[in-house]
Amino acid sequence: GIGFSIAAWAWYRQVPRKQRELVAVTYSGGMTHYGDSVKGRFTIS
């Protein structure tokens, strides 16, 4: 439903009774950021 490349994407996760947590974010220029708990284990692409 969108005709152009999305500039910013993210993955979040949530467990019951806890706050939603940022897992990873990526931008169209290639910049990425990871939550501390998943660094070195998860990769966003």
ModelCIF file with pLDDT and N, C-alpha, C, O atoms, coordinates in Angstrom:
data_MODEL
#
_entry.id   MODEL 
#
_entity.id                         1 
_entity.type                       polymer 
_entity.pdbx_number_of_molecules   1 
#
_entity_poly.entity_id                      1 
_entity_poly.type                           'polypeptide(L)' 
_entity_poly.nstd_linkage                   no 
_entity_poly.nstd_monomer                   no 
_entity_poly.pdbx_seq_one_letter_code       GIGFSIAAWAWYRQVPRKQRELVAVTYSGGMTHYGDSVKGRFTIS 
_entity_poly.pdbx_seq_one_letter_code_can   GIGFSIAAWAWYRQVPRKQRELVAVTYSGGMTHYGDSVKGRFTIS 
_entity_poly.pdbx_strand_id                 A 
#
loop_
_entity_poly_seq.entity_id 
_entity_poly_seq.num 
_entity_poly_seq.mon_id 
_entity_poly_seq.hetero 
1 1  GLY n 
1 2  ILE n 
1 3  GLY n 
1 4  PHE n 
1 5  SER n 
1 6  ILE n 
1 7  ALA n 
1 8  ALA n 
1 9  TRP n 
1 10 ALA n 
1 11 TRP n 
1 12 TYR n 
1 13 ARG n 
1 14 GLN n 
1 15 VAL n 
1 16 PRO n 
1 17 ARG n 
1 18 LYS n 
1 19 GLN n 
1 20 ARG n 
1 21 GLU n 
1 22 LEU n 
1 23 VAL n 
1 24 ALA n 
1 25 VAL n 
1 26 THR n 
1 27 TYR n 
1 28 SER n 
1 29 GLY n 
1 30 GLY n 
1 31 MET n 
1 32 THR n 
1 33 HIS n 
1 34 TYR n 
1 35 GLY n 
1 36 ASP n 
1 37 SER n 
1 38 VAL n 
1 39 LYS n 
1 40 GLY n 
1 41 ARG n 
1 42 PHE n 
1 43 THR n 
1 44 ILE n 
1 45 SER n 
#
_struct_asym.id          A 
_struct_asym.entity_id   1 
#
loop_
_ma_qa_metric.id 
_ma_qa_metric.mode 
_ma_qa_metric.name 
_ma_qa_metric.software_group_id 
_ma_qa_metric.type 
1 global pLDDT . pLDDT 
2 local  pLDDT . pLDDT 
#
_ma_qa_metric_global.metric_id      1 
_ma_qa_metric_global.metric_value   94.60 
_ma_qa_metric_global.model_id       1 
_ma_qa_metric_global.ordinal_id     1 
#
loop_
_ma_qa_metric_local.label_asym_id 
_ma_qa_metric_local.label_comp_id 
_ma_qa_metric_local.label_seq_id 
_ma_qa_metric_local.metric_id 
_ma_qa_metric_local.metric_value 
_ma_qa_metric_local.model_id 
_ma_qa_metric_local.ordinal_id 
A GLY 1  2 92.00 1 1  
A ILE 2  2 88.00 1 2  
A GLY 3  2 85.00 1 3  
A PHE 4  2 88.00 1 4  
A SER 5  2 89.00 1 5  
A ILE 6  2 93.00 1 6  
A ALA 7  2 93.00 1 7  
A ALA 8  2 95.00 1 8  
A TRP 9  2 96.00 1 9  
A ALA 10 2 97.00 1 10 
A TRP 11 2 98.00 1 11 
A TYR 12 2 98.00 1 12 
A ARG 13 2 98.00 1 13 
A GLN 14 2 97.00 1 14 
A VAL 15 2 95.00 1 15 
A PRO 16 2 90.00 1 16 
A ARG 17 2 92.00 1 17 
A LYS 18 2 94.00 1 18 
A GLN 19 2 94.00 1 19 
A ARG 20 2 95.00 1 20 
A GLU 21 2 96.00 1 21 
A LEU 22 2 96.00 1 22 
A VAL 23 2 98.00 1 23 
A ALA 24 2 98.00 1 24 
A VAL 25 2 96.00 1 25 
A THR 26 2 95.00 1 26 
A TYR 27 2 93.00 1 27 
A SER 28 2 89.00 1 28 
A GLY 29 2 87.00 1 29 
A GLY 30 2 88.00 1 30 
A MET 31 2 94.00 1 31 
A THR 32 2 96.00 1 32 
A HIS 33 2 96.00 1 33 
A TYR 34 2 98.00 1 34 
A GLY 35 2 97.00 1 35 
A ASP 36 2 97.00 1 36 
A SER 37 2 96.00 1 37 
A VAL 38 2 98.00 1 38 
A LYS 39 2 97.00 1 39 
A GLY 40 2 97.00 1 40 
A ARG 41 2 98.00 1 41 
A PHE 42 2 98.00 1 42 
A THR 43 2 98.00 1 43 
A ILE 44 2 98.00 1 44 
A SER 45 2 96.00 1 45 
#
loop_
_atom_site.group_PDB 
_atom_site.id 
_atom_site.type_symbol 
_atom_site.label_atom_id 
_atom_site.label_alt_id 
_atom_site.label_comp_id 
_atom_site.label_asym_id 
_atom_site.label_entity_id 
_atom_site.label_seq_id 
_atom_site.pdbx_PDB_ins_code 
_atom_site.Cartn_x 
_atom_site.Cartn_y 
_atom_site.Cartn_z 
_atom_site.occupancy 
_atom_site.B_iso_or_equiv 
_atom_site.pdbx_formal_charge 
_atom_site.auth_seq_id 
_atom_site.auth_comp_id 
_atom_site.auth_asym_id 
_atom_site.auth_atom_id 
_atom_site.pdbx_PDB_model_num 
ATOM 1   N N  . GLY A 1 1  ? 0.784  -1.218  0.000  1.00 92.00 ? 1  GLY A N  1 
ATOM 2   C CA . GLY A 1 1  ? 0.000  0.000   0.000  1.00 92.00 ? 1  GLY A CA 1 
ATOM 3   C C  . GLY A 1 1  ? 0.816  1.269   0.000  1.00 92.00 ? 1  GLY A C  1 
ATOM 4   O O  . GLY A 1 1  ? 0.293  2.343   0.297  1.00 92.00 ? 1  GLY A O  1 
ATOM 5   N N  . ILE A 1 2  ? 2.089  1.165   -0.327 1.00 88.00 ? 2  ILE A N  1 
ATOM 6   C CA . ILE A 1 2  ? 2.950  2.332   -0.401 1.00 88.00 ? 2  ILE A CA 1 
ATOM 7   C C  . ILE A 1 2  ? 3.852  2.176   -1.614 1.00 88.00 ? 2  ILE A C  1 
ATOM 8   O O  . ILE A 1 2  ? 4.390  1.099   -1.871 1.00 88.00 ? 2  ILE A O  1 
ATOM 9   N N  . GLY A 1 3  ? 4.009  3.265   -2.356 1.00 85.00 ? 3  GLY A N  1 
ATOM 10  C CA . GLY A 1 3  ? 4.696  3.184   -3.629 1.00 85.00 ? 3  GLY A CA 1 
ATOM 11  C C  . GLY A 1 3  ? 6.134  3.660   -3.646 1.00 85.00 ? 3  GLY A C  1 
ATOM 12  O O  . GLY A 1 3  ? 6.690  3.906   -4.716 1.00 85.00 ? 3  GLY A O  1 
ATOM 13  N N  . PHE A 1 4  ? 6.738  3.793   -2.493 1.00 88.00 ? 4  PHE A N  1 
ATOM 14  C CA . PHE A 1 4  ? 8.132  4.209   -2.421 1.00 88.00 ? 4  PHE A CA 1 
ATOM 15  C C  . PHE A 1 4  ? 8.814  3.479   -1.277 1.00 88.00 ? 4  PHE A C  1 
ATOM 16  O O  . PHE A 1 4  ? 8.159  2.896   -0.412 1.00 88.00 ? 4  PHE A O  1 
ATOM 17  N N  . SER A 1 5  ? 10.115 3.520   -1.286 1.00 89.00 ? 5  SER A N  1 
ATOM 18  C CA . SER A 1 5  ? 10.898 2.828   -0.275 1.00 89.00 ? 5  SER A CA 1 
ATOM 19  C C  . SER A 1 5  ? 10.741 3.496   1.084  1.00 89.00 ? 5  SER A C  1 
ATOM 20  O O  . SER A 1 5  ? 10.874 4.714   1.202  1.00 89.00 ? 5  SER A O  1 
ATOM 21  N N  . ILE A 1 6  ? 10.459 2.703   2.101  1.00 93.00 ? 6  ILE A N  1 
ATOM 22  C CA . ILE A 1 6  ? 10.271 3.218   3.450  1.00 93.00 ? 6  ILE A CA 1 
ATOM 23  C C  . ILE A 1 6  ? 11.613 3.651   4.039  1.00 93.00 ? 6  ILE A C  1 
ATOM 24  O O  . ILE A 1 6  ? 12.610 2.936   3.940  1.00 93.00 ? 6  ILE A O  1 
ATOM 25  N N  . ALA A 1 7  ? 11.617 4.831   4.650  1.00 93.00 ? 7  ALA A N  1 
ATOM 26  C CA . ALA A 1 7  ? 12.859 5.410   5.132  1.00 93.00 ? 7  ALA A CA 1 
ATOM 27  C C  . ALA A 1 7  ? 13.326 4.835   6.459  1.00 93.00 ? 7  ALA A C  1 
ATOM 28  O O  . ALA A 1 7  ? 14.527 4.659   6.665  1.00 93.00 ? 7  ALA A O  1 
ATOM 29  N N  . ALA A 1 8  ? 12.400 4.542   7.359  1.00 95.00 ? 8  ALA A N  1 
ATOM 30  C CA . ALA A 1 8  ? 12.760 4.076   8.694  1.00 95.00 ? 8  ALA A CA 1 
ATOM 31  C C  . ALA A 1 8  ? 11.925 2.866   9.073  1.00 95.00 ? 8  ALA A C  1 
ATOM 32  O O  . ALA A 1 8  ? 10.698 2.879   8.974  1.00 95.00 ? 8  ALA A O  1 
ATOM 33  N N  . TRP A 1 9  ? 12.606 1.833   9.503  1.00 96.00 ? 9  TRP A N  1 
ATOM 34  C CA . TRP A 1 9  ? 11.985 0.581   9.939  1.00 96.00 ? 9  TRP A CA 1 
ATOM 35  C C  . TRP A 1 9  ? 12.498 0.236   11.332 1.00 96.00 ? 9  TRP A C  1 
ATOM 36  O O  . TRP A 1 9  ? 13.607 0.611   11.711 1.00 96.00 ? 9  TRP A O  1 
ATOM 37  N N  . ALA A 1 10 ? 11.675 -0.483  12.084 1.00 97.00 ? 10 ALA A N  1 
ATOM 38  C CA . ALA A 1 10 ? 12.126 -0.961  13.386 1.00 97.00 ? 10 ALA A CA 1 
ATOM 39  C C  . ALA A 1 10 ? 11.478 -2.294  13.726 1.00 97.00 ? 10 ALA A C  1 
ATOM 40  O O  . ALA A 1 10 ? 10.407 -2.634  13.222 1.00 97.00 ? 10 ALA A O  1 
ATOM 41  N N  . TRP A 1 11 ? 12.145 -3.028  14.581 1.00 98.00 ? 11 TRP A N  1 
ATOM 42  C CA . TRP A 1 11 ? 11.591 -4.198  15.241 1.00 98.00 ? 11 TRP A CA 1 
ATOM 43  C C  . TRP A 1 11 ? 11.499 -3.911  16.734 1.00 98.00 ? 11 TRP A C  1 
ATOM 44  O O  . TRP A 1 11 ? 12.457 -3.440  17.346 1.00 98.00 ? 11 TRP A O  1 
ATOM 45  N N  . TYR A 1 12 ? 10.350 -4.195  17.308 1.00 98.00 ? 12 TYR A N  1 
ATOM 46  C CA . TYR A 1 12 ? 10.129 -4.117  18.741 1.00 98.00 ? 12 TYR A CA 1 
ATOM 47  C C  . TYR A 1 12 ? 9.668  -5.475  19.248 1.00 98.00 ? 12 TYR A C  1 
ATOM 48  O O  . TYR A 1 12 ? 9.254  -6.336  18.471 1.00 98.00 ? 12 TYR A O  1 
ATOM 49  N N  . ARG A 1 13 ? 9.744  -5.652  20.548 1.00 98.00 ? 13 ARG A N  1 
ATOM 50  C CA . ARG A 1 13 ? 9.179  -6.856  21.149 1.00 98.00 ? 13 ARG A CA 1 
ATOM 51  C C  . ARG A 1 13 ? 8.511  -6.509  22.471 1.00 98.00 ? 13 ARG A C  1 
ATOM 52  O O  . ARG A 1 13 ? 8.835  -5.506  23.108 1.00 98.00 ? 13 ARG A O  1 
ATOM 53  N N  . GLN A 1 14 ? 7.573  -7.357  22.866 1.00 97.00 ? 14 GLN A N  1 
ATOM 54  C CA . GLN A 1 14 ? 6.822  -7.099  24.087 1.00 97.00 ? 14 GLN A CA 1 
ATOM 55  C C  . GLN A 1 14 ? 6.388  -8.415  24.719 1.00 97.00 ? 14 GLN A C  1 
ATOM 56  O O  . GLN A 1 14 ? 5.964  -9.344  24.033 1.00 97.00 ? 14 GLN A O  1 
ATOM 57  N N  . VAL A 1 15 ? 6.503  -8.471  26.034 1.00 95.00 ? 15 VAL A N  1 
ATOM 58  C CA . VAL A 1 15 ? 5.989  -9.596  26.805 1.00 95.00 ? 15 VAL A CA 1 
ATOM 59  C C  . VAL A 1 15 ? 4.883  -9.070  27.708 1.00 95.00 ? 15 VAL A C  1 
ATOM 60  O O  . VAL A 1 15 ? 4.859  -7.877  28.007 1.00 95.00 ? 15 VAL A O  1 
ATOM 61  N N  . PRO A 1 16 ? 3.960  -9.932  28.153 1.00 90.00 ? 16 PRO A N  1 
ATOM 62  C CA . PRO A 1 16 ? 2.863  -9.456  28.994 1.00 90.00 ? 16 PRO A CA 1 
ATOM 63  C C  . PRO A 1 16 ? 3.347  -8.720  30.233 1.00 90.00 ? 16 PRO A C  1 
ATOM 64  O O  . PRO A 1 16 ? 4.288  -9.149  30.900 1.00 90.00 ? 16 PRO A O  1 
ATOM 65  N N  . ARG A 1 17 ? 2.697  -7.620  30.526 1.00 92.00 ? 17 ARG A N  1 
ATOM 66  C CA . ARG A 1 17 ? 2.942  -6.814  31.717 1.00 92.00 ? 17 ARG A CA 1 
ATOM 67  C C  . ARG A 1 17 ? 4.307  -6.132  31.725 1.00 92.00 ? 17 ARG A C  1 
ATOM 68  O O  . ARG A 1 17 ? 4.783  -5.702  32.775 1.00 92.00 ? 17 ARG A O  1 
ATOM 69  N N  . LYS A 1 18 ? 4.928  -6.034  30.567 1.00 94.00 ? 18 LYS A N  1 
ATOM 70  C CA . LYS A 1 18 ? 6.188  -5.312  30.463 1.00 94.00 ? 18 LYS A CA 1 
ATOM 71  C C  . LYS A 1 18 ? 6.103  -4.283  29.341 1.00 94.00 ? 18 LYS A C  1 
ATOM 72  O O  . LYS A 1 18 ? 5.277  -4.391  28.435 1.00 94.00 ? 18 LYS A O  1 
ATOM 73  N N  . GLN A 1 19 ? 6.975  -3.286  29.423 1.00 94.00 ? 19 GLN A N  1 
ATOM 74  C CA . GLN A 1 19 ? 7.021  -2.249  28.406 1.00 94.00 ? 19 GLN A CA 1 
ATOM 75  C C  . GLN A 1 19 ? 7.546  -2.804  27.086 1.00 94.00 ? 19 GLN A C  1 
ATOM 76  O O  . GLN A 1 19 ? 8.376  -3.713  27.059 1.00 94.00 ? 19 GLN A O  1 
ATOM 77  N N  . ARG A 1 20 ? 7.049  -2.243  26.012 1.00 95.00 ? 20 ARG A N  1 
ATOM 78  C CA . ARG A 1 20 ? 7.550  -2.581  24.694 1.00 95.00 ? 20 ARG A CA 1 
ATOM 79  C C  . ARG A 1 20 ? 9.028  -2.176  24.599 1.00 95.00 ? 20 ARG A C  1 
ATOM 80  O O  . ARG A 1 20 ? 9.413  -1.102  25.059 1.00 95.00 ? 20 ARG A O  1 
ATOM 81  N N  . GLU A 1 21 ? 9.833  -3.030  24.010 1.00 96.00 ? 21 GLU A N  1 
ATOM 82  C CA . GLU A 1 21 ? 11.267 -2.845  23.964 1.00 96.00 ? 21 GLU A CA 1 
ATOM 83  C C  . GLU A 1 21 ? 11.747 -2.734  22.522 1.00 96.00 ? 21 GLU A C  1 
ATOM 84  O O  . GLU A 1 21 ? 11.370 -3.540  21.671 1.00 96.00 ? 21 GLU A O  1 
ATOM 85  N N  . LEU A 1 22 ? 12.572 -1.743  22.253 1.00 96.00 ? 22 LEU A N  1 
ATOM 86  C CA . LEU A 1 22 ? 13.188 -1.618  20.937 1.00 96.00 ? 22 LEU A CA 1 
ATOM 87  C C  . LEU A 1 22 ? 14.228 -2.715  20.751 1.00 96.00 ? 22 LEU A C  1 
ATOM 88  O O  . LEU A 1 22 ? 15.096 -2.913  21.601 1.00 96.00 ? 22 LEU A O  1 
ATOM 89  N N  . VAL A 1 23 ? 14.131 -3.418  19.638 1.00 98.00 ? 23 VAL A N  1 
ATOM 90  C CA . VAL A 1 23 ? 15.090 -4.458  19.295 1.00 98.00 ? 23 VAL A CA 1 
ATOM 91  C C  . VAL A 1 23 ? 16.127 -3.928  18.321 1.00 98.00 ? 23 VAL A C  1 
ATOM 92  O O  . VAL A 1 23 ? 17.329 -4.054  18.555 1.00 98.00 ? 23 VAL A O  1 
ATOM 93  N N  . ALA A 1 24 ? 15.662 -3.334  17.228 1.00 98.00 ? 24 ALA A N  1 
ATOM 94  C CA . ALA A 1 24 ? 16.566 -2.836  16.197 1.00 98.00 ? 24 ALA A CA 1 
ATOM 95  C C  . ALA A 1 24 ? 15.842 -1.819  15.345 1.00 98.00 ? 24 ALA A C  1 
ATOM 96  O O  . ALA A 1 24 ? 14.620 -1.872  15.203 1.00 98.00 ? 24 ALA A O  1 
ATOM 97  N N  . VAL A 1 25 ? 16.594 -0.894  14.777 1.00 96.00 ? 25 VAL A N  1 
ATOM 98  C CA . VAL A 1 25 ? 16.053 0.098   13.859 1.00 96.00 ? 25 VAL A CA 1 
ATOM 99  C C  . VAL A 1 25 ? 17.028 0.266   12.705 1.00 96.00 ? 25 VAL A C  1 
ATOM 100 O O  . VAL A 1 25 ? 18.241 0.180   12.891 1.00 96.00 ? 25 VAL A O  1 
ATOM 101 N N  . THR A 1 26 ? 16.498 0.505   11.520 1.00 95.00 ? 26 THR A N  1 
ATOM 102 C CA . THR A 1 26 ? 17.334 0.745   10.355 1.00 95.00 ? 26 THR A CA 1 
ATOM 103 C C  . THR A 1 26 ? 16.742 1.873   9.524  1.00 95.00 ? 26 THR A C  1 
ATOM 104 O O  . THR A 1 26 ? 15.525 2.049   9.464  1.00 95.00 ? 26 THR A O  1 
ATOM 105 N N  . TYR A 1 27 ? 17.619 2.631   8.889  1.00 93.00 ? 27 TYR A N  1 
ATOM 106 C CA . TYR A 1 27 ? 17.237 3.756   8.051  1.00 93.00 ? 27 TYR A CA 1 
ATOM 107 C C  . TYR A 1 27 ? 17.718 3.530   6.628  1.00 93.00 ? 27 TYR A C  1 
ATOM 108 O O  . TYR A 1 27 ? 18.603 2.711   6.378  1.00 93.00 ? 27 TYR A O  1 
ATOM 109 N N  . SER A 1 28 ? 17.122 4.269   5.699  1.00 89.00 ? 28 SER A N  1 
ATOM 110 C CA . SER A 1 28 ? 17.402 4.049   4.281  1.00 89.00 ? 28 SER A CA 1 
ATOM 111 C C  . SER A 1 28 ? 18.866 4.248   3.921  1.00 89.00 ? 28 SER A C  1 
ATOM 112 O O  . SER A 1 28 ? 19.356 3.641   2.969  1.00 89.00 ? 28 SER A O  1 
ATOM 113 N N  . GLY A 1 29 ? 19.568 5.087   4.668  1.00 87.00 ? 29 GLY A N  1 
ATOM 114 C CA . GLY A 1 29 ? 20.979 5.300   4.407  1.00 87.00 ? 29 GLY A CA 1 
ATOM 115 C C  . GLY A 1 29 ? 21.881 4.186   4.896  1.00 87.00 ? 29 GLY A C  1 
ATOM 116 O O  . GLY A 1 29 ? 23.085 4.209   4.642  1.00 87.00 ? 29 GLY A O  1 
ATOM 117 N N  . GLY A 1 30 ? 21.317 3.209   5.593  1.00 88.00 ? 30 GLY A N  1 
ATOM 118 C CA . GLY A 1 30 ? 22.088 2.075   6.068  1.00 88.00 ? 30 GLY A CA 1 
ATOM 119 C C  . GLY A 1 30 ? 22.428 2.103   7.542  1.00 88.00 ? 30 GLY A C  1 
ATOM 120 O O  . GLY A 1 30 ? 22.960 1.124   8.066  1.00 88.00 ? 30 GLY A O  1 
ATOM 121 N N  . MET A 1 31 ? 22.137 3.188   8.220  1.00 94.00 ? 31 MET A N  1 
ATOM 122 C CA . MET A 1 31 ? 22.427 3.272   9.645  1.00 94.00 ? 31 MET A CA 1 
ATOM 123 C C  . MET A 1 31 ? 21.520 2.328   10.428 1.00 94.00 ? 31 MET A C  1 
ATOM 124 O O  . MET A 1 31 ? 20.331 2.216   10.131 1.00 94.00 ? 31 MET A O  1 
ATOM 125 N N  . THR A 1 32 ? 22.077 1.654   11.419 1.00 96.00 ? 32 THR A N  1 
ATOM 126 C CA . THR A 1 32 ? 21.330 0.729   12.260 1.00 96.00 ? 32 THR A CA 1 
ATOM 127 C C  . THR A 1 32 ? 21.637 0.977   13.721 1.00 96.00 ? 32 THR A C  1 
ATOM 128 O O  . THR A 1 32 ? 22.677 1.535   14.070 1.00 96.00 ? 32 THR A O  1 
ATOM 129 N N  . HIS A 1 33 ? 20.718 0.554   14.567 1.00 96.00 ? 33 HIS A N  1 
ATOM 130 C CA . HIS A 1 33 ? 20.897 0.626   16.008 1.00 96.00 ? 33 HIS A CA 1 
ATOM 131 C C  . HIS A 1 33 ? 20.233 -0.598  16.622 1.00 96.00 ? 33 HIS A C  1 
ATOM 132 O O  . HIS A 1 33 ? 19.169 -1.026  16.176 1.00 96.00 ? 33 HIS A O  1 
ATOM 133 N N  . TYR A 1 34 ? 20.870 -1.159  17.651 1.00 98.00 ? 34 TYR A N  1 
ATOM 134 C CA . TYR A 1 34 ? 20.350 -2.346  18.320 1.00 98.00 ? 34 TYR A CA 1 
ATOM 135 C C  . TYR A 1 34 ? 20.198 -2.117  19.809 1.00 98.00 ? 34 TYR A C  1 
ATOM 136 O O  . TYR A 1 34 ? 20.986 -1.402  20.428 1.00 98.00 ? 34 TYR A O  1 
ATOM 137 N N  . GLY A 1 35 ? 19.178 -2.731  20.371 1.00 97.00 ? 35 GLY A N  1 
ATOM 138 C CA . GLY A 1 35 ? 19.054 -2.739  21.810 1.00 97.00 ? 35 GLY A CA 1 
ATOM 139 C C  . GLY A 1 35 ? 20.199 -3.511  22.442 1.00 97.00 ? 35 GLY A C  1 
ATOM 140 O O  . GLY A 1 35 ? 20.734 -4.449  21.851 1.00 97.00 ? 35 GLY A O  1 
ATOM 141 N N  . ASP A 1 36 ? 20.566 -3.105  23.648 1.00 97.00 ? 36 ASP A N  1 
ATOM 142 C CA . ASP A 1 36 ? 21.729 -3.708  24.302 1.00 97.00 ? 36 ASP A CA 1 
ATOM 143 C C  . ASP A 1 36 ? 21.583 -5.225  24.470 1.00 97.00 ? 36 ASP A C  1 
ATOM 144 O O  . ASP A 1 36 ? 22.569 -5.956  24.377 1.00 97.00 ? 36 ASP A O  1 
ATOM 145 N N  . SER A 1 37 ? 20.381 -5.690  24.714 1.00 96.00 ? 37 SER A N  1 
ATOM 146 C CA . SER A 1 37 ? 20.178 -7.099  25.007 1.00 96.00 ? 37 SER A CA 1 
ATOM 147 C C  . SER A 1 37 ? 20.351 -8.006  23.792 1.00 96.00 ? 37 SER A C  1 
ATOM 148 O O  . SER A 1 37 ? 20.465 -9.222  23.949 1.00 96.00 ? 37 SER A O  1 
ATOM 149 N N  . VAL A 1 38 ? 20.371 -7.444  22.587 1.00 98.00 ? 38 VAL A N  1 
ATOM 150 C CA . VAL A 1 38 ? 20.467 -8.272  21.383 1.00 98.00 ? 38 VAL A CA 1 
ATOM 151 C C  . VAL A 1 38 ? 21.707 -7.987  20.559 1.00 98.00 ? 38 VAL A C  1 
ATOM 152 O O  . VAL A 1 38 ? 21.921 -8.639  19.537 1.00 98.00 ? 38 VAL A O  1 
ATOM 153 N N  . LYS A 1 39 ? 22.528 -7.038  20.969 1.00 97.00 ? 39 LYS A N  1 
ATOM 154 C CA . LYS A 1 39 ? 23.727 -6.704  20.216 1.00 97.00 ? 39 LYS A CA 1 
ATOM 155 C C  . LYS A 1 39 ? 24.616 -7.935  20.055 1.00 97.00 ? 39 LYS A C  1 
ATOM 156 O O  . LYS A 1 39 ? 24.861 -8.678  21.006 1.00 97.00 ? 39 LYS A O  1 
ATOM 157 N N  . GLY A 1 40 ? 25.088 -8.128  18.837 1.00 97.00 ? 40 GLY A N  1 
ATOM 158 C CA . GLY A 1 40 ? 25.955 -9.255  18.543 1.00 97.00 ? 40 GLY A CA 1 
ATOM 159 C C  . GLY A 1 40 ? 25.228 -10.533 18.217 1.00 97.00 ? 40 GLY A C  1 
ATOM 160 O O  . GLY A 1 40 ? 25.853 -11.494 17.769 1.00 97.00 ? 40 GLY A O  1 
ATOM 161 N N  . ARG A 1 41 ? 23.922 -10.578 18.427 1.00 98.00 ? 41 ARG A N  1 
ATOM 162 C CA . ARG A 1 41 ? 23.142 -11.782 18.163 1.00 98.00 ? 41 ARG A CA 1 
ATOM 163 C C  . ARG A 1 41 ? 22.101 -11.593 17.066 1.00 98.00 ? 41 ARG A C  1 
ATOM 164 O O  . ARG A 1 41 ? 21.830 -12.520 16.303 1.00 98.00 ? 41 ARG A O  1 
ATOM 165 N N  . PHE A 1 42 ? 21.517 -10.401 16.982 1.00 98.00 ? 42 PHE A N  1 
ATOM 166 C CA . PHE A 1 42 ? 20.468 -10.118 16.008 1.00 98.00 ? 42 PHE A CA 1 
ATOM 167 C C  . PHE A 1 42 ? 20.994 -9.171  14.940 1.00 98.00 ? 42 PHE A C  1 
ATOM 168 O O  . PHE A 1 42 ? 21.854 -8.332  15.209 1.00 98.00 ? 42 PHE A O  1 
ATOM 169 N N  . THR A 1 43 ? 20.471 -9.312  13.725 1.00 98.00 ? 43 THR A N  1 
ATOM 170 C CA . THR A 1 43 ? 20.830 -8.433  12.625 1.00 98.00 ? 43 THR A CA 1 
ATOM 171 C C  . THR A 1 43 ? 19.585 -8.006  11.875 1.00 98.00 ? 43 THR A C  1 
ATOM 172 O O  . THR A 1 43 ? 18.790 -8.846  11.454 1.00 98.00 ? 43 THR A O  1 
ATOM 173 N N  . ILE A 1 44 ? 19.410 -6.702  11.704 1.00 98.00 ? 44 ILE A N  1 
ATOM 174 C CA . ILE A 1 44 ? 18.309 -6.183  10.913 1.00 98.00 ? 44 ILE A CA 1 
ATOM 175 C C  . ILE A 1 44 ? 18.826 -5.887  9.507  1.00 98.00 ? 44 ILE A C  1 
ATOM 176 O O  . ILE A 1 44 ? 19.937 -5.383  9.342  1.00 98.00 ? 44 ILE A O  1 
ATOM 177 N N  . SER A 1 45 ? 18.025 -6.199  8.509  1.00 96.00 ? 45 SER A N  1 
ATOM 178 C CA . SER A 1 45 ? 18.403 -5.936  7.133  1.00 96.00 ? 45 SER A CA 1 
ATOM 179 C C  . SER A 1 45 ? 17.157 -5.596  6.328  1.00 96.00 ? 45 SER A C  1 
ATOM 180 O O  . SER A 1 45 ? 17.249 -5.337  5.128  1.00 96.00 ? 45 SER A O  1 
#
